[in-house]
Protein backbone atom coordinates (compact mmCIF):
# COMPACT_ATOMS: atom_id res chain seq x y z
CA UNK A 1 -11.14 2.39 28.40
CA UNK A 2 -10.30 0.61 24.85
CA UNK A 3 -6.91 1.14 23.30
CA UNK A 4 -7.06 3.37 20.35
CA UNK A 5 -4.82 4.79 17.79
CA UNK A 6 -5.27 8.04 16.13
CA UNK A 7 -4.22 7.93 12.32
CA UNK A 8 -5.04 11.28 10.13
CA UNK A 9 -7.46 12.59 12.71
CA UNK A 10 -9.33 9.33 13.18
CA UNK A 11 -9.75 7.07 16.15
CA UNK A 12 -8.86 3.49 15.26
CA UNK A 13 -10.08 0.75 17.81
CA UNK A 14 -6.66 -1.14 18.59
CA UNK A 15 -7.97 -4.43 19.90
CA UNK A 16 -9.52 -7.50 18.42
CA UNK A 17 -12.97 -7.56 16.25
CA UNK A 18 -14.93 -9.34 18.99
CA UNK A 19 -14.30 -6.79 21.38
CA UNK A 20 -14.95 -3.89 19.08
CA UNK A 21 -18.26 -5.47 18.22
CA UNK A 22 -18.93 -6.03 21.93
CA UNK A 23 -18.04 -2.50 22.85
CA UNK A 24 -20.18 -0.62 20.37
CA UNK A 25 -23.11 -3.06 21.25
CA UNK A 26 -23.18 -2.01 24.82
CA UNK A 27 -22.42 1.88 24.49
CA UNK A 28 -23.99 2.45 21.09
CA UNK A 29 -22.52 5.02 18.89
CA UNK A 30 -21.10 4.62 15.18
CA UNK A 31 -18.25 2.78 14.03
CA UNK A 32 -16.68 3.13 10.56
CA UNK A 33 -14.42 1.21 8.49
CA UNK A 34 -12.59 3.51 5.97
CA UNK A 35 -10.71 1.67 3.26
CA UNK A 36 -7.48 3.49 1.93
CA UNK A 37 -8.96 5.56 -0.72
CA UNK A 38 -11.55 6.95 1.65
CA UNK A 39 -8.77 7.84 4.09
CA UNK A 40 -7.26 9.86 1.21
CA UNK A 41 -10.55 11.45 0.57
CA UNK A 42 -10.33 13.19 4.11
CA UNK A 43 -8.28 15.76 2.13
CA UNK A 44 -11.30 16.55 -0.01
CA UNK A 45 -14.77 15.92 1.18
CA UNK A 46 -15.83 18.00 4.42
CA UNK A 47 -18.86 15.96 4.87
CA UNK A 48 -17.06 12.70 4.89
CA UNK A 49 -14.21 13.88 7.24
CA UNK A 50 -16.79 15.31 9.81
CA UNK A 51 -18.67 11.86 10.06
CA UNK A 52 -15.66 9.65 10.31
CA UNK A 53 -13.94 12.00 12.84
CA UNK A 54 -16.95 12.08 14.69
CA UNK A 55 -17.60 8.04 15.18
CA UNK A 56 -16.88 6.60 18.41
CA UNK A 57 -14.18 4.67 16.49
CA UNK A 58 -13.21 3.12 13.26
CA UNK A 59 -11.81 -0.22 12.29
CA UNK A 60 -8.38 -0.78 10.54
CA UNK A 61 -10.06 -2.27 7.38
CA UNK A 62 -6.96 -0.80 5.32
CA UNK A 63 -4.14 -3.22 5.25
CA UNK A 64 -2.34 -0.51 3.13
CA UNK A 65 -2.67 1.91 5.78
CA UNK A 66 -1.68 -0.47 8.59
CA UNK A 67 1.57 -1.41 7.04
CA UNK A 68 2.26 2.04 6.25
CA UNK A 69 1.69 3.26 10.13
CA UNK A 70 4.01 0.66 11.10
CA UNK A 71 6.49 1.66 8.61
CA UNK A 72 6.41 5.25 9.35
CA UNK A 73 5.90 5.32 13.11
CA UNK A 74 6.97 2.02 14.38
CA UNK A 75 3.64 1.71 16.02
CA UNK A 76 1.10 -1.32 15.36
CA UNK A 77 -2.48 -0.76 15.01
CA UNK A 78 -4.70 -4.21 14.76
CA UNK A 79 -6.17 -4.72 11.34
CA UNK A 80 -9.88 -5.71 11.45
CA UNK A 81 -11.57 -5.98 8.03
CA UNK A 82 -14.93 -5.10 7.47
CA UNK A 83 -15.66 -8.64 6.55
CA UNK A 84 -14.07 -9.96 9.68
CA UNK A 85 -16.27 -7.27 11.64
CA UNK A 86 -19.35 -8.36 9.96
CA UNK A 87 -19.02 -11.96 10.50
CA UNK A 88 -18.23 -11.14 14.49
CA UNK A 89 -21.39 -8.94 14.56
CA UNK A 90 -23.82 -11.93 12.98
CA UNK A 91 -22.38 -14.19 15.97
CA UNK A 92 -23.53 -11.43 18.59
CA UNK A 93 -26.10 -12.49 20.87
CA UNK A 94 -27.85 -9.04 20.38
CA UNK A 95 -28.48 -9.30 16.75
CA UNK A 96 -30.46 -12.65 17.43
CA UNK A 97 -33.27 -10.96 19.22
CA UNK A 98 -36.61 -10.02 17.22
CA UNK A 99 -36.56 -6.72 16.08
CA UNK A 100 -32.96 -5.87 17.05
CA UNK A 101 -31.36 -4.72 13.88
CA UNK A 102 -32.44 -2.39 10.99
CA UNK A 103 -30.70 -3.22 7.78
CA UNK A 104 -29.77 -0.59 5.24
CA UNK A 105 -29.21 -2.07 1.80
CA UNK A 106 -28.50 -0.60 -1.62
CA UNK A 107 -31.01 -2.60 -3.74
CA UNK A 108 -33.98 -5.10 -3.87
CA UNK A 109 -31.47 -7.98 -4.83
CA UNK A 110 -29.17 -7.18 -2.03
CA UNK A 111 -32.31 -7.25 0.27
CA UNK A 112 -33.27 -10.88 -0.90
CA UNK A 113 -29.79 -12.01 -0.58
CA UNK A 114 -29.47 -10.85 3.03
CA UNK A 115 -32.91 -12.41 4.10
CA UNK A 116 -31.47 -15.90 2.63
CA UNK A 117 -28.13 -15.33 4.66
CA UNK A 118 -30.28 -14.31 8.06
CA UNK A 119 -32.46 -17.48 7.58
CA UNK A 120 -29.58 -19.57 7.12
CA UNK A 121 -27.86 -18.27 10.12
CA UNK A 122 -31.00 -18.41 12.31
CA UNK A 123 -31.33 -14.54 12.50
CA UNK A 124 -34.71 -13.10 12.56
CA UNK A 125 -35.26 -11.67 8.93
CA UNK A 126 -38.34 -9.57 9.13
CA UNK A 127 -38.43 -7.71 5.64
CA UNK A 128 -39.84 -4.54 7.44
CA UNK A 129 -36.53 -4.33 9.24
CA UNK A 130 -34.59 -4.24 5.96
CA UNK A 131 -34.60 -0.95 4.07
CA UNK A 132 -33.54 -0.50 0.61
CA UNK A 133 -31.75 2.93 0.15
CA UNK A 134 -32.30 5.27 -2.43
CA UNK A 135 -29.78 7.06 -4.40
CA UNK A 136 -28.56 9.84 -2.14
CA UNK A 137 -27.72 13.56 -3.30
CA UNK A 138 -25.42 16.19 -1.15
CA UNK A 139 -26.00 16.41 1.78
CA UNK A 140 -27.02 12.74 2.60
CA UNK A 141 -30.43 12.69 4.36
CA UNK A 142 -33.12 10.34 4.48
CA UNK A 143 -36.31 11.03 6.62
CA UNK A 144 -38.00 7.82 5.77
CA UNK A 145 -35.22 5.76 7.19
CA UNK A 146 -35.01 8.34 10.08
CA UNK A 147 -38.80 7.58 11.20
CA UNK A 148 -38.43 3.87 10.74
CA UNK A 149 -35.36 3.47 12.87
CA UNK A 150 -37.33 6.01 15.27
CA UNK A 151 -40.38 3.61 15.05
CA UNK A 152 -38.45 0.46 15.37
CA UNK A 153 -36.18 1.58 17.90
CA UNK A 154 -33.64 -1.28 17.09
CA UNK A 155 -30.31 -1.94 19.15
CA UNK A 156 -28.31 -1.95 15.90
CA UNK A 157 -28.35 -0.09 12.42
CA UNK A 158 -26.12 -1.74 9.80
CA UNK A 159 -25.53 0.44 6.98
CA UNK A 160 -24.20 -1.39 3.89
CA UNK A 161 -24.40 1.05 1.07
CA UNK A 162 -20.93 1.55 0.31
CA UNK A 163 -19.28 4.34 -1.67
CA UNK A 164 -18.43 6.54 1.47
CA UNK A 165 -22.01 7.50 1.68
CA UNK A 166 -22.76 5.08 4.63
CA UNK A 167 -20.69 7.31 6.92
CA UNK A 168 -22.81 10.30 6.27
CA UNK A 169 -25.83 8.55 6.51
CA UNK A 170 -24.53 7.16 9.88
CA UNK A 171 -23.98 10.50 10.99
CA UNK A 172 -27.26 11.91 9.87
CA UNK A 173 -29.00 9.40 12.12
CA UNK A 174 -26.90 9.64 15.07
CA UNK A 175 -27.11 13.50 15.08
CA UNK A 176 -31.28 13.10 15.00
CA UNK A 177 -32.16 9.81 16.83
CA UNK A 178 -33.47 10.24 20.42
CA UNK A 179 -31.93 7.16 21.50
CA UNK A 180 -28.46 5.58 20.94
CA UNK A 181 -28.16 2.63 18.88
CA UNK A 182 -25.21 1.08 17.48
CA UNK A 183 -24.50 2.17 14.08
CA UNK A 184 -22.43 0.08 11.88
CA UNK A 185 -21.07 1.71 8.92
CA UNK A 186 -19.57 -1.34 7.04
CA UNK A 187 -20.00 -0.60 3.28
CA UNK A 188 -19.76 -3.82 1.19
CA UNK A 189 -18.77 -6.15 3.79
CA UNK A 190 -22.15 -7.36 4.03
CA UNK A 191 -22.40 -8.07 0.37
CA UNK A 192 -19.31 -10.17 0.72
CA UNK A 193 -21.42 -12.69 2.82
CA UNK A 194 -24.56 -12.45 1.02
CA UNK A 195 -23.06 -13.04 -2.19
CA UNK A 196 -24.36 -9.33 -3.56
CA UNK A 197 -20.56 -8.63 -3.64
CA UNK A 198 -17.53 -10.98 -5.12
CA UNK A 199 -16.81 -13.51 -2.37
CA UNK A 200 -13.40 -12.90 -0.78
CA UNK A 201 -11.82 -15.99 0.75
CA UNK A 202 -10.73 -15.79 4.26
CA UNK A 203 -6.89 -16.35 3.18
CA UNK A 204 -7.20 -13.41 0.92
CA UNK A 205 -8.79 -11.21 3.52
CA UNK A 206 -6.02 -12.32 6.13
CA UNK A 207 -3.44 -11.47 3.79
CA UNK A 208 -4.71 -8.15 2.97
CA UNK A 209 -5.59 -8.77 -0.89
CA UNK A 210 -9.07 -8.74 -0.88
CA UNK A 211 -9.03 -5.34 -2.75
CA UNK A 212 -7.45 -7.43 -5.68
CA UNK A 213 -10.47 -9.99 -5.91
CA UNK A 214 -12.68 -6.69 -6.15
CA UNK A 215 -10.34 -5.13 -8.71
CA UNK A 216 -10.37 -8.21 -10.94
CA UNK A 217 -14.28 -8.72 -10.60
CA UNK A 218 -14.95 -5.12 -11.52
CA UNK A 219 -11.87 -3.49 -12.86
CA UNK A 220 -13.39 -0.17 -14.65
CA UNK A 221 -14.84 0.60 -10.95
CA UNK A 222 -12.43 -0.54 -8.51
CA UNK A 223 -8.88 -0.04 -10.35
CA UNK A 224 -9.29 4.07 -10.48
CA UNK A 225 -10.50 3.92 -6.84
CA UNK A 226 -7.70 2.04 -5.47
CA UNK A 227 -5.33 4.10 -7.79
CA UNK A 228 -6.14 6.88 -5.74
CA UNK A 229 -4.95 5.42 -2.74
CA UNK A 230 -1.34 6.08 -3.92
CA UNK A 231 -1.59 9.44 -1.73
CA UNK A 232 -1.78 7.72 1.38
CA UNK A 233 1.80 7.27 2.05
CA UNK A 234 2.36 10.99 1.62
CA UNK A 235 -0.64 11.72 3.78
CA UNK A 236 0.45 9.93 6.67
CA UNK A 237 4.03 10.89 6.30
CA UNK A 238 3.16 14.35 6.28
CA UNK A 239 0.26 14.67 8.77
CA UNK A 240 0.68 11.50 10.87
CA UNK A 241 -2.10 11.45 13.68
CA UNK A 242 -3.46 14.68 12.78
CA UNK A 243 -6.31 15.35 10.32
CA UNK A 244 -5.01 16.80 7.05
CA UNK A 245 -5.94 20.07 5.78
CA UNK A 246 -8.80 20.54 3.31
CA UNK A 247 -7.72 20.73 -0.31
CA UNK A 248 -9.48 20.77 -3.73
CA UNK A 249 -9.07 17.92 -6.20
């Protein structure tokens, strides 16, 4: 069994990125990559907490959370950024087969940039396997996407829509599909590689400052979001490995 570390009720994979990709590719299920603001949102969003805690595992995308966990518990969880995870997934042999992946992206522009990236890397890039997601209401559901995945029966479903929606959409698919693909809820990570999001240098990702590049690029969006992560130290100190109680904002 792989090593995991439970933080705020979420099972985090405690190994290397290649191991995480290989495991979920072999066994199927759902992997999530909650950022620090999303971990705080466990207190406020019942649908989100249900999706994340029911995932097979999470990857520790948040360097802030990794540092806080070490500080408060003395325990180490290996950080795997969404960007690093996405790179390893694109290298995995199972994504290079025809019809192997259903890609879910936020816009036609993101679709076009994804096609360019896949072609550069020699990965099949059939447009019928790239789905442009609509704007989702609550609860998150998408029968069109569900039918496409059922028909395609891809080994992988990569959900790159961000905003905390991808985890709920992944859970929706997982509960309704009649087979068990690997569902990767990786938010903006794919956009960092395609150029649909700001490019984050490898050194910035390695030293936990990718968030700063995003904040500088889109301050009105990301500064308030990252500011909400100020609650995380208190949450970890109070709840530790346990899921925090629901509260109202």
